[in-house]
Amino acid sequence: MINSLTEENYLKALFNIANQSGEVNVAELSKTLDIKMPTVTSMMKKLAKKKLVHYESYKPLRLTEKGRKEAGLIIRKHRLTEMFLVEKMNLGWEDVHDIAEQIEHIQSPVFFEKMDEMLDYPKVDPHGSPIPDSKGKVVWKDYSKLSDCEAGDTVRLSAVIKTTSEFLKLLNGKGMYLGLKIKIKSIEPFDKSIVISYDKRNAEVLSNLVCERLLVEKIV
C-alpha cells in the first residue's frame, strides 16, 4: 500500500521516465526529482519491499505490474484534474499543472470517477497526453514529432510534451492549440528550424527545440 505523497511522486516519475526513455536508473531518477542518489536508492529499496519496483544494485529500475497500476492511477487523477480545470473552470492549459499536482494525492476514487463522468470520459488531457483508465492502463497513440516531418507535409497538432508554463505561453503567443492544422513550408538545413503556415499565419518560424516538443498526426 502507498502511504505517502513522496512514494506517489517516485512512482509517477518512474512511470513517466520509463515511457520516454525505455528504462530508468537511479541517477536519472535522482536528477528528475532533484533528490540525492542515496535517498533515491533508499526509497527504491522501500518500494521494492512493497513489490512496487524491481530493484537490483547497478541495474535499471522497473515498475512491477502492481507499481505500474498504482502509478497509472496517480497519473489518471492528475490528468483528469487538468482537464476539469480547463473544461469546467476555464483555466489556461499553462496554469493547471501545479494545481493538479496537489489534487492528485486525494484518496477518493468516487471523487475522480465523478469528475470523469462530468467531463464525459475524456481520453486525453489538455496537453494531448492519454488519460489512464480506471485500472491504471494507458493507451498510447503513435504520434510523430513535428521535427521529424518533411517539407510539404500537412499535419494536425495532437499533443505537446515536456511542457512548462513558459513553453505553453509561447504556444499561446503564436496562436497554437491542439487540433491545429499545420502546413510545413520549409526546413532550414543549418539548425532544423521549420517554417510553417496555419490559420491566417503564412510564415511562422519554429525552432528545432519547439518542434521536438510538438506531436502531430499527418493529414493525408
N, C-alpha and C. Protein backbone atom coordinates (compact mmCIF):
# COMPACT_ATOMS: atom_id res chain seq x y z
N MET A 1 0.84 -1.20 0.00
CA MET A 1 0.00 0.00 0.00
C MET A 1 0.87 1.25 0.00
N ILE A 2 0.52 2.24 -0.83
CA ILE A 2 1.24 3.51 -0.84
C ILE A 2 0.70 4.37 0.31
N ASN A 3 1.60 4.87 1.13
CA ASN A 3 1.11 5.63 2.28
C ASN A 3 1.77 6.98 2.43
N SER A 4 2.33 7.54 1.33
CA SER A 4 2.88 8.88 1.43
C SER A 4 2.88 9.56 0.06
N LEU A 5 2.82 10.89 0.09
CA LEU A 5 2.88 11.65 -1.16
C LEU A 5 4.22 11.44 -1.85
N THR A 6 5.26 11.28 -1.04
CA THR A 6 6.60 11.07 -1.60
C THR A 6 6.65 9.79 -2.41
N GLU A 7 6.09 8.72 -1.90
CA GLU A 7 6.08 7.45 -2.63
C GLU A 7 5.31 7.60 -3.93
N GLU A 8 4.20 8.30 -3.90
CA GLU A 8 3.41 8.51 -5.12
C GLU A 8 4.22 9.28 -6.15
N ASN A 9 4.96 10.30 -5.70
CA ASN A 9 5.76 11.09 -6.64
C ASN A 9 6.88 10.27 -7.27
N TYR A 10 7.48 9.37 -6.50
CA TYR A 10 8.50 8.49 -7.04
C TYR A 10 7.91 7.57 -8.11
N LEU A 11 6.77 6.97 -7.82
CA LEU A 11 6.15 6.05 -8.78
C LEU A 11 5.78 6.78 -10.07
N LYS A 12 5.24 7.97 -9.93
CA LYS A 12 4.85 8.75 -11.10
C LYS A 12 6.07 9.11 -11.95
N ALA A 13 7.15 9.50 -11.29
CA ALA A 13 8.38 9.84 -12.01
C ALA A 13 8.94 8.62 -12.73
N LEU A 14 8.95 7.47 -12.07
CA LEU A 14 9.42 6.23 -12.70
C LEU A 14 8.60 5.91 -13.95
N PHE A 15 7.30 6.03 -13.83
CA PHE A 15 6.38 5.74 -14.94
C PHE A 15 6.67 6.67 -16.12
N ASN A 16 6.79 7.97 -15.86
CA ASN A 16 6.98 8.94 -16.93
C ASN A 16 8.34 8.79 -17.61
N ILE A 17 9.40 8.59 -16.82
CA ILE A 17 10.74 8.44 -17.41
C ILE A 17 10.81 7.18 -18.26
N ALA A 18 10.24 6.08 -17.74
CA ALA A 18 10.28 4.81 -18.47
C ALA A 18 9.57 4.92 -19.81
N ASN A 19 8.48 5.68 -19.86
CA ASN A 19 7.75 5.81 -21.11
C ASN A 19 8.48 6.70 -22.11
N GLN A 20 9.38 7.55 -21.62
CA GLN A 20 10.14 8.42 -22.52
C GLN A 20 11.43 7.75 -23.00
N SER A 21 12.12 7.06 -22.10
CA SER A 21 13.45 6.54 -22.44
C SER A 21 13.56 5.02 -22.45
N GLY A 22 12.51 4.32 -22.00
CA GLY A 22 12.52 2.87 -22.04
C GLY A 22 13.00 2.21 -20.77
N GLU A 23 13.92 2.86 -20.06
CA GLU A 23 14.36 2.32 -18.79
C GLU A 23 14.77 3.47 -17.87
N VAL A 24 14.95 3.16 -16.61
CA VAL A 24 15.23 4.19 -15.62
C VAL A 24 16.39 3.73 -14.75
N ASN A 25 17.35 4.63 -14.48
CA ASN A 25 18.37 4.30 -13.50
C ASN A 25 18.29 5.28 -12.34
N VAL A 26 18.97 4.96 -11.27
CA VAL A 26 18.88 5.77 -10.06
C VAL A 26 19.36 7.20 -10.31
N ALA A 27 20.42 7.35 -11.10
CA ALA A 27 20.96 8.68 -11.37
C ALA A 27 19.94 9.56 -12.10
N GLU A 28 19.25 8.97 -13.08
CA GLU A 28 18.26 9.73 -13.84
C GLU A 28 17.07 10.11 -12.96
N LEU A 29 16.64 9.19 -12.12
CA LEU A 29 15.54 9.47 -11.22
C LEU A 29 15.93 10.55 -10.21
N SER A 30 17.17 10.47 -9.74
CA SER A 30 17.68 11.47 -8.81
C SER A 30 17.67 12.86 -9.43
N LYS A 31 18.10 12.94 -10.69
CA LYS A 31 18.12 14.23 -11.39
C LYS A 31 16.71 14.76 -11.62
N THR A 32 15.80 13.88 -12.03
CA THR A 32 14.43 14.30 -12.31
C THR A 32 13.74 14.86 -11.07
N LEU A 33 13.93 14.18 -9.95
CA LEU A 33 13.27 14.58 -8.71
C LEU A 33 14.07 15.59 -7.89
N ASP A 34 15.32 15.83 -8.32
CA ASP A 34 16.22 16.72 -7.59
C ASP A 34 16.40 16.25 -6.14
N ILE A 35 16.67 14.96 -6.02
CA ILE A 35 16.89 14.32 -4.73
C ILE A 35 18.20 13.55 -4.79
N LYS A 36 18.98 13.58 -3.73
CA LYS A 36 20.28 12.92 -3.72
C LYS A 36 20.15 11.42 -3.94
N MET A 37 21.15 10.87 -4.63
CA MET A 37 21.09 9.46 -5.03
C MET A 37 20.94 8.49 -3.86
N PRO A 38 21.65 8.67 -2.73
CA PRO A 38 21.45 7.74 -1.62
C PRO A 38 20.01 7.71 -1.10
N THR A 39 19.36 8.88 -1.14
CA THR A 39 17.96 8.96 -0.71
C THR A 39 17.06 8.22 -1.69
N VAL A 40 17.35 8.37 -2.99
CA VAL A 40 16.58 7.67 -4.02
C VAL A 40 16.76 6.16 -3.87
N THR A 41 17.99 5.74 -3.67
CA THR A 41 18.27 4.31 -3.50
C THR A 41 17.51 3.74 -2.31
N SER A 42 17.50 4.48 -1.22
CA SER A 42 16.78 4.04 -0.02
C SER A 42 15.29 3.87 -0.31
N MET A 43 14.72 4.83 -1.06
CA MET A 43 13.30 4.74 -1.40
C MET A 43 13.02 3.57 -2.33
N MET A 44 13.93 3.29 -3.27
CA MET A 44 13.74 2.17 -4.18
C MET A 44 13.70 0.85 -3.41
N LYS A 45 14.53 0.72 -2.41
CA LYS A 45 14.53 -0.49 -1.58
C LYS A 45 13.21 -0.60 -0.82
N LYS A 46 12.71 0.52 -0.37
CA LYS A 46 11.43 0.54 0.36
C LYS A 46 10.28 0.13 -0.56
N LEU A 47 10.28 0.67 -1.79
CA LEU A 47 9.21 0.35 -2.74
C LEU A 47 9.34 -1.09 -3.24
N ALA A 48 10.57 -1.59 -3.30
CA ALA A 48 10.78 -2.99 -3.69
C ALA A 48 10.16 -3.93 -2.67
N LYS A 49 10.27 -3.58 -1.39
CA LYS A 49 9.69 -4.41 -0.33
C LYS A 49 8.16 -4.44 -0.44
N LYS A 50 7.60 -3.35 -0.98
CA LYS A 50 6.15 -3.30 -1.17
C LYS A 50 5.74 -3.90 -2.52
N LYS A 51 6.74 -4.45 -3.24
CA LYS A 51 6.51 -5.09 -4.54
C LYS A 51 5.94 -4.11 -5.58
N LEU A 52 6.42 -2.88 -5.50
CA LEU A 52 6.04 -1.86 -6.47
C LEU A 52 7.14 -1.62 -7.50
N VAL A 53 8.37 -1.97 -7.15
CA VAL A 53 9.52 -1.73 -8.01
C VAL A 53 10.44 -2.95 -8.00
N HIS A 54 10.99 -3.27 -9.18
CA HIS A 54 12.07 -4.27 -9.25
C HIS A 54 13.38 -3.52 -9.05
N TYR A 55 14.09 -3.83 -7.98
CA TYR A 55 15.34 -3.12 -7.70
C TYR A 55 16.48 -4.09 -7.49
N GLU A 56 17.57 -3.89 -8.25
CA GLU A 56 18.82 -4.60 -8.05
C GLU A 56 19.95 -3.58 -8.24
N SER A 57 20.97 -3.67 -7.39
CA SER A 57 22.07 -2.72 -7.47
C SER A 57 22.69 -2.70 -8.87
N TYR A 58 22.93 -1.49 -9.37
CA TYR A 58 23.60 -1.26 -10.65
C TYR A 58 22.81 -1.76 -11.87
N LYS A 59 21.52 -2.02 -11.69
CA LYS A 59 20.68 -2.41 -12.82
C LYS A 59 19.53 -1.42 -12.96
N PRO A 60 18.97 -1.31 -14.19
CA PRO A 60 17.86 -0.38 -14.39
C PRO A 60 16.67 -0.70 -13.47
N LEU A 61 15.98 0.33 -13.07
CA LEU A 61 14.79 0.18 -12.23
C LEU A 61 13.59 -0.14 -13.12
N ARG A 62 12.71 -0.99 -12.63
CA ARG A 62 11.47 -1.30 -13.36
C ARG A 62 10.31 -1.36 -12.39
N LEU A 63 9.21 -0.77 -12.81
CA LEU A 63 7.99 -0.90 -12.02
C LEU A 63 7.44 -2.32 -12.17
N THR A 64 6.93 -2.88 -11.09
CA THR A 64 6.23 -4.14 -11.18
C THR A 64 4.86 -3.89 -11.81
N GLU A 65 4.13 -4.93 -12.10
CA GLU A 65 2.77 -4.75 -12.62
C GLU A 65 1.93 -3.97 -11.62
N LYS A 66 2.08 -4.28 -10.35
CA LYS A 66 1.37 -3.55 -9.30
C LYS A 66 1.80 -2.09 -9.28
N GLY A 67 3.11 -1.86 -9.42
CA GLY A 67 3.63 -0.49 -9.41
C GLY A 67 3.14 0.32 -10.58
N ARG A 68 3.07 -0.31 -11.77
CA ARG A 68 2.57 0.40 -12.96
C ARG A 68 1.11 0.79 -12.79
N LYS A 69 0.33 -0.11 -12.19
CA LYS A 69 -1.08 0.21 -11.97
C LYS A 69 -1.22 1.39 -11.01
N GLU A 70 -0.48 1.36 -9.92
CA GLU A 70 -0.57 2.44 -8.94
C GLU A 70 -0.12 3.77 -9.56
N ALA A 71 0.97 3.73 -10.32
CA ALA A 71 1.45 4.95 -10.97
C ALA A 71 0.43 5.46 -11.99
N GLY A 72 -0.16 4.53 -12.75
CA GLY A 72 -1.16 4.91 -13.74
C GLY A 72 -2.37 5.58 -13.12
N LEU A 73 -2.76 5.11 -11.94
CA LEU A 73 -3.92 5.70 -11.26
C LEU A 73 -3.61 7.10 -10.74
N ILE A 74 -2.36 7.33 -10.31
CA ILE A 74 -1.96 8.67 -9.88
C ILE A 74 -1.99 9.62 -11.07
N ILE A 75 -1.44 9.16 -12.19
CA ILE A 75 -1.42 9.99 -13.39
C ILE A 75 -2.83 10.23 -13.91
N ARG A 76 -3.69 9.24 -13.77
CA ARG A 76 -5.10 9.42 -14.15
C ARG A 76 -5.72 10.57 -13.38
N LYS A 77 -5.50 10.60 -12.07
CA LYS A 77 -6.06 11.67 -11.24
C LYS A 77 -5.51 13.02 -11.66
N HIS A 78 -4.23 13.06 -11.95
CA HIS A 78 -3.59 14.32 -12.36
C HIS A 78 -4.19 14.83 -13.67
N ARG A 79 -4.28 13.95 -14.66
CA ARG A 79 -4.72 14.40 -15.98
C ARG A 79 -6.21 14.69 -16.03
N LEU A 80 -7.00 13.94 -15.28
CA LEU A 80 -8.42 14.27 -15.18
C LEU A 80 -8.60 15.65 -14.55
N THR A 81 -7.81 15.92 -13.52
CA THR A 81 -7.90 17.22 -12.85
C THR A 81 -7.53 18.34 -13.80
N GLU A 82 -6.46 18.15 -14.57
CA GLU A 82 -6.07 19.19 -15.53
C GLU A 82 -7.20 19.45 -16.52
N MET A 83 -7.83 18.39 -17.01
CA MET A 83 -8.92 18.57 -17.97
C MET A 83 -10.11 19.28 -17.31
N PHE A 84 -10.40 18.92 -16.06
CA PHE A 84 -11.51 19.55 -15.35
C PHE A 84 -11.25 21.05 -15.18
N LEU A 85 -10.02 21.39 -14.83
CA LEU A 85 -9.68 22.80 -14.62
C LEU A 85 -9.80 23.60 -15.90
N VAL A 86 -9.47 23.00 -17.03
CA VAL A 86 -9.57 23.68 -18.31
C VAL A 86 -11.01 23.74 -18.81
N GLU A 87 -11.69 22.58 -18.78
CA GLU A 87 -13.03 22.49 -19.37
C GLU A 87 -14.12 23.10 -18.49
N LYS A 88 -14.03 22.94 -17.20
CA LYS A 88 -15.10 23.38 -16.30
C LYS A 88 -14.79 24.68 -15.56
N MET A 89 -13.52 25.02 -15.44
CA MET A 89 -13.15 26.23 -14.70
C MET A 89 -12.47 27.26 -15.57
N ASN A 90 -12.32 26.92 -16.87
CA ASN A 90 -11.80 27.87 -17.87
C ASN A 90 -10.40 28.38 -17.57
N LEU A 91 -9.59 27.57 -16.92
CA LEU A 91 -8.19 27.92 -16.73
C LEU A 91 -7.41 27.59 -17.99
N GLY A 92 -6.31 28.29 -18.22
CA GLY A 92 -5.48 28.01 -19.39
C GLY A 92 -4.67 26.74 -19.20
N TRP A 93 -4.30 26.10 -20.31
CA TRP A 93 -3.53 24.86 -20.21
C TRP A 93 -2.17 25.08 -19.58
N GLU A 94 -1.73 26.34 -19.53
CA GLU A 94 -0.45 26.66 -18.91
C GLU A 94 -0.55 26.83 -17.39
N ASP A 95 -1.78 26.84 -16.86
CA ASP A 95 -1.98 27.15 -15.44
C ASP A 95 -2.39 25.96 -14.57
N VAL A 96 -2.56 24.78 -15.16
CA VAL A 96 -3.24 23.70 -14.43
C VAL A 96 -2.31 22.68 -13.78
N HIS A 97 -1.06 22.61 -14.20
CA HIS A 97 -0.18 21.53 -13.72
C HIS A 97 0.03 21.58 -12.21
N ASP A 98 0.40 22.72 -11.69
CA ASP A 98 0.72 22.82 -10.26
C ASP A 98 -0.50 22.52 -9.39
N ILE A 99 -1.67 22.95 -9.85
CA ILE A 99 -2.90 22.67 -9.08
C ILE A 99 -3.17 21.17 -9.08
N ALA A 100 -3.03 20.54 -10.25
CA ALA A 100 -3.27 19.10 -10.37
C ALA A 100 -2.27 18.30 -9.53
N GLU A 101 -1.05 18.81 -9.39
CA GLU A 101 -0.04 18.15 -8.56
C GLU A 101 -0.53 17.99 -7.13
N GLN A 102 -1.30 18.94 -6.66
CA GLN A 102 -1.82 18.88 -5.29
C GLN A 102 -3.06 17.97 -5.20
N ILE A 103 -3.95 18.10 -6.17
CA ILE A 103 -5.21 17.37 -6.12
C ILE A 103 -5.02 15.88 -6.38
N GLU A 104 -3.99 15.50 -7.14
CA GLU A 104 -3.79 14.09 -7.50
C GLU A 104 -3.58 13.18 -6.29
N HIS A 105 -3.26 13.75 -5.14
CA HIS A 105 -2.99 12.94 -3.95
C HIS A 105 -4.24 12.67 -3.10
N ILE A 106 -5.38 13.20 -3.54
CA ILE A 106 -6.62 12.93 -2.81
C ILE A 106 -6.99 11.45 -2.95
N GLN A 107 -7.24 10.81 -1.83
CA GLN A 107 -7.55 9.38 -1.81
C GLN A 107 -9.06 9.16 -1.79
N SER A 108 -9.70 9.42 -2.93
CA SER A 108 -11.15 9.25 -3.03
C SER A 108 -11.52 8.87 -4.46
N PRO A 109 -11.56 7.57 -4.77
CA PRO A 109 -11.89 7.15 -6.14
C PRO A 109 -13.21 7.73 -6.65
N VAL A 110 -14.21 7.82 -5.78
CA VAL A 110 -15.52 8.32 -6.22
C VAL A 110 -15.42 9.77 -6.68
N PHE A 111 -14.54 10.54 -6.07
CA PHE A 111 -14.34 11.94 -6.45
C PHE A 111 -13.88 12.04 -7.90
N PHE A 112 -12.91 11.21 -8.26
CA PHE A 112 -12.35 11.28 -9.61
C PHE A 112 -13.25 10.59 -10.63
N GLU A 113 -14.00 9.58 -10.22
CA GLU A 113 -14.95 8.96 -11.14
C GLU A 113 -16.06 9.94 -11.50
N LYS A 114 -16.48 10.74 -10.52
CA LYS A 114 -17.49 11.77 -10.79
C LYS A 114 -16.93 12.84 -11.71
N MET A 115 -15.67 13.20 -11.50
CA MET A 115 -15.01 14.17 -12.36
C MET A 115 -14.98 13.64 -13.80
N ASP A 116 -14.63 12.36 -13.95
CA ASP A 116 -14.58 11.71 -15.26
C ASP A 116 -15.95 11.77 -15.94
N GLU A 117 -16.98 11.47 -15.16
CA GLU A 117 -18.36 11.50 -15.69
C GLU A 117 -18.75 12.90 -16.14
N MET A 118 -18.43 13.90 -15.32
CA MET A 118 -18.78 15.29 -15.66
C MET A 118 -18.08 15.76 -16.93
N LEU A 119 -16.93 15.18 -17.21
CA LEU A 119 -16.17 15.55 -18.40
C LEU A 119 -16.54 14.71 -19.62
N ASP A 120 -17.48 13.76 -19.43
CA ASP A 120 -17.91 12.85 -20.49
C ASP A 120 -16.77 11.92 -20.92
N TYR A 121 -16.01 11.46 -19.95
CA TYR A 121 -15.00 10.41 -20.12
C TYR A 121 -13.95 10.75 -21.19
N PRO A 122 -13.17 11.80 -20.98
CA PRO A 122 -12.14 12.19 -21.96
C PRO A 122 -11.03 11.15 -22.05
N LYS A 123 -10.44 11.04 -23.22
CA LYS A 123 -9.34 10.10 -23.45
C LYS A 123 -7.97 10.75 -23.28
N VAL A 124 -7.91 12.08 -23.41
CA VAL A 124 -6.64 12.80 -23.28
C VAL A 124 -6.83 14.02 -22.39
N ASP A 125 -5.70 14.52 -21.87
CA ASP A 125 -5.73 15.72 -21.04
C ASP A 125 -5.58 16.96 -21.92
N PRO A 126 -5.53 18.17 -21.35
CA PRO A 126 -5.47 19.39 -22.19
C PRO A 126 -4.20 19.49 -23.03
N HIS A 127 -3.18 18.68 -22.71
CA HIS A 127 -1.93 18.72 -23.48
C HIS A 127 -1.83 17.56 -24.47
N GLY A 128 -2.91 16.77 -24.56
CA GLY A 128 -2.94 15.66 -25.51
C GLY A 128 -2.39 14.35 -24.98
N SER A 129 -1.98 14.33 -23.70
CA SER A 129 -1.46 13.09 -23.11
C SER A 129 -2.62 12.17 -22.75
N PRO A 130 -2.47 10.86 -22.97
CA PRO A 130 -3.57 9.92 -22.70
C PRO A 130 -3.89 9.84 -21.21
N ILE A 131 -5.17 9.76 -20.90
CA ILE A 131 -5.62 9.60 -19.51
C ILE A 131 -5.77 8.11 -19.23
N PRO A 132 -5.02 7.56 -18.28
CA PRO A 132 -5.17 6.14 -17.94
C PRO A 132 -6.62 5.82 -17.55
N ASP A 133 -7.04 4.57 -17.79
CA ASP A 133 -8.39 4.18 -17.41
C ASP A 133 -8.47 3.90 -15.91
N SER A 134 -9.62 3.45 -15.45
CA SER A 134 -9.84 3.26 -14.02
C SER A 134 -9.01 2.12 -13.44
N LYS A 135 -8.33 1.36 -14.29
CA LYS A 135 -7.43 0.30 -13.81
C LYS A 135 -5.97 0.69 -13.98
N GLY A 136 -5.74 1.95 -14.37
CA GLY A 136 -4.37 2.45 -14.50
C GLY A 136 -3.71 2.15 -15.82
N LYS A 137 -4.45 1.60 -16.78
CA LYS A 137 -3.85 1.26 -18.07
C LYS A 137 -3.90 2.47 -19.01
N VAL A 138 -2.83 2.59 -19.81
CA VAL A 138 -2.71 3.72 -20.73
C VAL A 138 -2.67 3.21 -22.17
N VAL A 139 -3.41 3.86 -23.03
CA VAL A 139 -3.36 3.56 -24.47
C VAL A 139 -2.62 4.71 -25.14
N TRP A 140 -1.43 4.40 -25.67
CA TRP A 140 -0.59 5.42 -26.31
C TRP A 140 -0.87 5.48 -27.81
N LYS A 141 -0.96 6.69 -28.34
CA LYS A 141 -1.11 6.85 -29.79
C LYS A 141 0.26 7.05 -30.42
N ASP A 142 0.37 6.63 -31.66
CA ASP A 142 1.65 6.69 -32.36
C ASP A 142 1.76 8.02 -33.11
N TYR A 143 2.15 9.06 -32.38
CA TYR A 143 2.33 10.37 -32.99
C TYR A 143 3.76 10.52 -33.50
N SER A 144 3.96 11.51 -34.37
CA SER A 144 5.30 11.89 -34.82
C SER A 144 5.65 13.25 -34.23
N LYS A 145 6.94 13.49 -34.04
CA LYS A 145 7.37 14.82 -33.65
C LYS A 145 7.34 15.71 -34.89
N LEU A 146 6.98 16.96 -34.69
CA LEU A 146 6.98 17.89 -35.82
C LEU A 146 8.38 17.98 -36.42
N SER A 147 9.40 17.83 -35.58
CA SER A 147 10.79 17.91 -36.04
C SER A 147 11.16 16.76 -36.98
N ASP A 148 10.38 15.69 -36.99
CA ASP A 148 10.67 14.54 -37.85
C ASP A 148 9.89 14.58 -39.17
N CYS A 149 9.08 15.60 -39.34
CA CYS A 149 8.28 15.71 -40.56
C CYS A 149 9.08 16.35 -41.68
N GLU A 150 8.50 16.38 -42.88
CA GLU A 150 9.20 16.88 -44.05
C GLU A 150 8.46 18.07 -44.65
N ALA A 151 9.21 18.86 -45.39
CA ALA A 151 8.61 20.00 -46.09
C ALA A 151 7.51 19.49 -47.01
N GLY A 152 6.39 20.18 -47.00
CA GLY A 152 5.25 19.78 -47.82
C GLY A 152 4.20 18.99 -47.05
N ASP A 153 4.58 18.45 -45.89
CA ASP A 153 3.61 17.69 -45.08
C ASP A 153 2.55 18.62 -44.50
N THR A 154 1.35 18.10 -44.38
CA THR A 154 0.28 18.78 -43.65
C THR A 154 -0.07 17.90 -42.46
N VAL A 155 -0.07 18.49 -41.28
CA VAL A 155 -0.24 17.72 -40.05
C VAL A 155 -1.24 18.40 -39.12
N ARG A 156 -1.67 17.64 -38.13
CA ARG A 156 -2.54 18.19 -37.09
C ARG A 156 -1.82 18.11 -35.75
N LEU A 157 -1.77 19.21 -35.01
CA LEU A 157 -1.13 19.22 -33.69
C LEU A 157 -2.00 18.42 -32.72
N SER A 158 -1.45 17.33 -32.18
CA SER A 158 -2.24 16.42 -31.36
C SER A 158 -1.83 16.37 -29.89
N ALA A 159 -0.58 16.74 -29.59
CA ALA A 159 -0.13 16.71 -28.21
C ALA A 159 1.14 17.54 -28.07
N VAL A 160 1.40 17.94 -26.84
CA VAL A 160 2.66 18.63 -26.54
C VAL A 160 3.33 17.89 -25.39
N ILE A 161 4.66 17.81 -25.42
CA ILE A 161 5.39 17.09 -24.39
C ILE A 161 6.43 18.01 -23.75
N LYS A 162 6.99 17.55 -22.63
CA LYS A 162 7.97 18.34 -21.87
C LYS A 162 7.42 19.73 -21.63
N THR A 163 6.19 19.78 -21.19
CA THR A 163 5.51 21.05 -21.04
C THR A 163 5.96 21.81 -19.80
N THR A 164 6.12 23.09 -19.96
CA THR A 164 6.31 24.02 -18.85
C THR A 164 5.36 25.18 -19.08
N SER A 165 5.12 25.95 -18.06
CA SER A 165 4.24 27.11 -18.22
C SER A 165 4.78 28.06 -19.27
N GLU A 166 6.11 28.24 -19.29
CA GLU A 166 6.73 29.16 -20.25
C GLU A 166 6.55 28.66 -21.68
N PHE A 167 6.71 27.34 -21.87
CA PHE A 167 6.55 26.77 -23.21
C PHE A 167 5.12 26.93 -23.70
N LEU A 168 4.15 26.64 -22.83
CA LEU A 168 2.75 26.75 -23.23
C LEU A 168 2.35 28.20 -23.49
N LYS A 169 2.92 29.12 -22.74
CA LYS A 169 2.66 30.54 -23.00
C LYS A 169 3.23 30.95 -24.36
N LEU A 170 4.37 30.38 -24.72
CA LEU A 170 4.95 30.64 -26.04
C LEU A 170 3.99 30.19 -27.14
N LEU A 171 3.42 28.97 -26.97
CA LEU A 171 2.47 28.47 -27.96
C LEU A 171 1.22 29.35 -28.00
N ASN A 172 0.77 29.80 -26.82
CA ASN A 172 -0.38 30.72 -26.78
C ASN A 172 -0.09 31.97 -27.60
N GLY A 173 1.13 32.51 -27.43
CA GLY A 173 1.50 33.73 -28.14
C GLY A 173 1.54 33.54 -29.64
N LYS A 174 1.78 32.31 -30.07
CA LYS A 174 1.80 32.00 -31.50
C LYS A 174 0.44 31.53 -32.02
N GLY A 175 -0.56 31.52 -31.11
CA GLY A 175 -1.90 31.09 -31.53
C GLY A 175 -1.99 29.62 -31.86
N MET A 176 -1.19 28.79 -31.17
CA MET A 176 -1.18 27.36 -31.44
C MET A 176 -1.95 26.60 -30.38
N TYR A 177 -2.69 25.57 -30.80
CA TYR A 177 -3.57 24.82 -29.91
C TYR A 177 -3.75 23.40 -30.47
N LEU A 178 -4.21 22.49 -29.62
CA LEU A 178 -4.44 21.12 -30.07
C LEU A 178 -5.54 21.10 -31.13
N GLY A 179 -5.31 20.30 -32.16
CA GLY A 179 -6.25 20.22 -33.27
C GLY A 179 -5.90 21.15 -34.41
N LEU A 180 -4.89 22.01 -34.21
CA LEU A 180 -4.49 22.97 -35.23
C LEU A 180 -3.93 22.26 -36.47
N LYS A 181 -4.39 22.68 -37.64
CA LYS A 181 -3.88 22.15 -38.91
C LYS A 181 -2.67 22.98 -39.34
N ILE A 182 -1.56 22.30 -39.58
CA ILE A 182 -0.30 22.97 -39.88
C ILE A 182 0.25 22.49 -41.23
N LYS A 183 0.71 23.43 -42.03
CA LYS A 183 1.39 23.12 -43.30
C LYS A 183 2.87 23.43 -43.13
N ILE A 184 3.74 22.45 -43.40
CA ILE A 184 5.18 22.66 -43.31
C ILE A 184 5.68 23.20 -44.65
N LYS A 185 6.16 24.44 -44.62
CA LYS A 185 6.56 25.09 -45.86
C LYS A 185 8.02 24.81 -46.20
N SER A 186 8.89 24.87 -45.21
CA SER A 186 10.31 24.60 -45.47
C SER A 186 11.04 24.27 -44.18
N ILE A 187 12.19 23.64 -44.32
CA ILE A 187 13.02 23.28 -43.16
C ILE A 187 14.42 23.83 -43.41
N GLU A 188 14.95 24.58 -42.45
CA GLU A 188 16.28 25.17 -42.56
C GLU A 188 17.35 24.09 -42.31
N PRO A 189 18.21 23.78 -43.29
CA PRO A 189 19.20 22.72 -43.13
C PRO A 189 20.17 22.96 -41.97
N PHE A 190 20.52 24.21 -41.71
CA PHE A 190 21.54 24.51 -40.70
C PHE A 190 21.11 24.15 -39.29
N ASP A 191 19.95 24.63 -38.87
CA ASP A 191 19.53 24.41 -37.48
C ASP A 191 18.21 23.65 -37.34
N LYS A 192 17.67 23.17 -38.47
CA LYS A 192 16.44 22.38 -38.48
C LYS A 192 15.21 23.16 -38.02
N SER A 193 15.31 24.48 -38.00
CA SER A 193 14.11 25.27 -37.72
C SER A 193 13.13 25.08 -38.88
N ILE A 194 11.85 25.24 -38.59
CA ILE A 194 10.82 24.93 -39.58
C ILE A 194 9.92 26.16 -39.81
N VAL A 195 9.65 26.44 -41.06
CA VAL A 195 8.70 27.49 -41.42
C VAL A 195 7.35 26.83 -41.69
N ILE A 196 6.33 27.27 -40.97
CA ILE A 196 5.01 26.67 -41.11
C ILE A 196 3.96 27.74 -41.40
N SER A 197 2.81 27.29 -41.89
CA SER A 197 1.66 28.18 -42.04
C SER A 197 0.46 27.51 -41.39
N TYR A 198 -0.41 28.31 -40.80
CA TYR A 198 -1.62 27.82 -40.15
C TYR A 198 -2.56 28.98 -39.89
N ASP A 199 -3.82 28.68 -39.84
CA ASP A 199 -4.84 29.73 -39.70
C ASP A 199 -4.51 30.85 -40.69
N LYS A 200 -4.31 32.07 -40.19
CA LYS A 200 -4.01 33.18 -41.09
C LYS A 200 -2.53 33.57 -41.06
N ARG A 201 -1.71 32.70 -40.46
CA ARG A 201 -0.27 32.97 -40.39
C ARG A 201 0.43 32.22 -41.53
N ASN A 202 1.14 32.94 -42.36
CA ASN A 202 1.71 32.34 -43.57
C ASN A 202 3.17 31.92 -43.44
N ALA A 203 3.89 32.45 -42.45
CA ALA A 203 5.31 32.12 -42.36
C ALA A 203 5.81 32.23 -40.92
N GLU A 204 5.33 31.35 -40.08
CA GLU A 204 5.77 31.31 -38.68
C GLU A 204 6.97 30.39 -38.57
N VAL A 205 8.04 30.88 -37.92
CA VAL A 205 9.26 30.07 -37.78
C VAL A 205 9.30 29.46 -36.38
N LEU A 206 9.50 28.12 -36.32
CA LEU A 206 9.63 27.41 -35.06
C LEU A 206 11.02 26.82 -34.96
N SER A 207 11.66 26.98 -33.80
CA SER A 207 12.98 26.40 -33.59
C SER A 207 12.86 24.88 -33.49
N ASN A 208 13.99 24.21 -33.67
CA ASN A 208 14.01 22.75 -33.52
C ASN A 208 13.62 22.35 -32.11
N LEU A 209 14.01 23.14 -31.11
CA LEU A 209 13.67 22.84 -29.72
C LEU A 209 12.16 22.80 -29.52
N VAL A 210 11.46 23.74 -30.13
CA VAL A 210 10.00 23.76 -30.05
C VAL A 210 9.41 22.58 -30.82
N CYS A 211 9.90 22.34 -32.03
CA CYS A 211 9.36 21.27 -32.87
C CYS A 211 9.52 19.90 -32.23
N GLU A 212 10.58 19.71 -31.43
CA GLU A 212 10.81 18.45 -30.73
C GLU A 212 9.71 18.17 -29.71
N ARG A 213 9.02 19.20 -29.27
CA ARG A 213 8.01 19.06 -28.22
C ARG A 213 6.58 19.03 -28.75
N LEU A 214 6.43 19.12 -30.06
CA LEU A 214 5.10 19.12 -30.67
C LEU A 214 4.86 17.77 -31.34
N LEU A 215 3.81 17.07 -30.93
CA LEU A 215 3.46 15.78 -31.52
C LEU A 215 2.30 15.97 -32.49
N VAL A 216 2.44 15.37 -33.65
CA VAL A 216 1.46 15.61 -34.71
C VAL A 216 1.03 14.31 -35.39
N GLU A 217 -0.09 14.40 -36.07
CA GLU A 217 -0.58 13.32 -36.94
C GLU A 217 -0.62 13.85 -38.37
N LYS A 218 -0.13 13.07 -39.31
CA LYS A 218 -0.16 13.51 -40.70
C LYS A 218 -1.57 13.47 -41.24
N ILE A 219 -1.89 14.46 -42.05
CA ILE A 219 -3.18 14.53 -42.72
C ILE A 219 -2.97 14.13 -44.17
N VAL A 220 -3.64 13.10 -44.59
CA VAL A 220 -3.47 12.60 -45.96
C VAL A 220 -4.26 13.47 -46.92
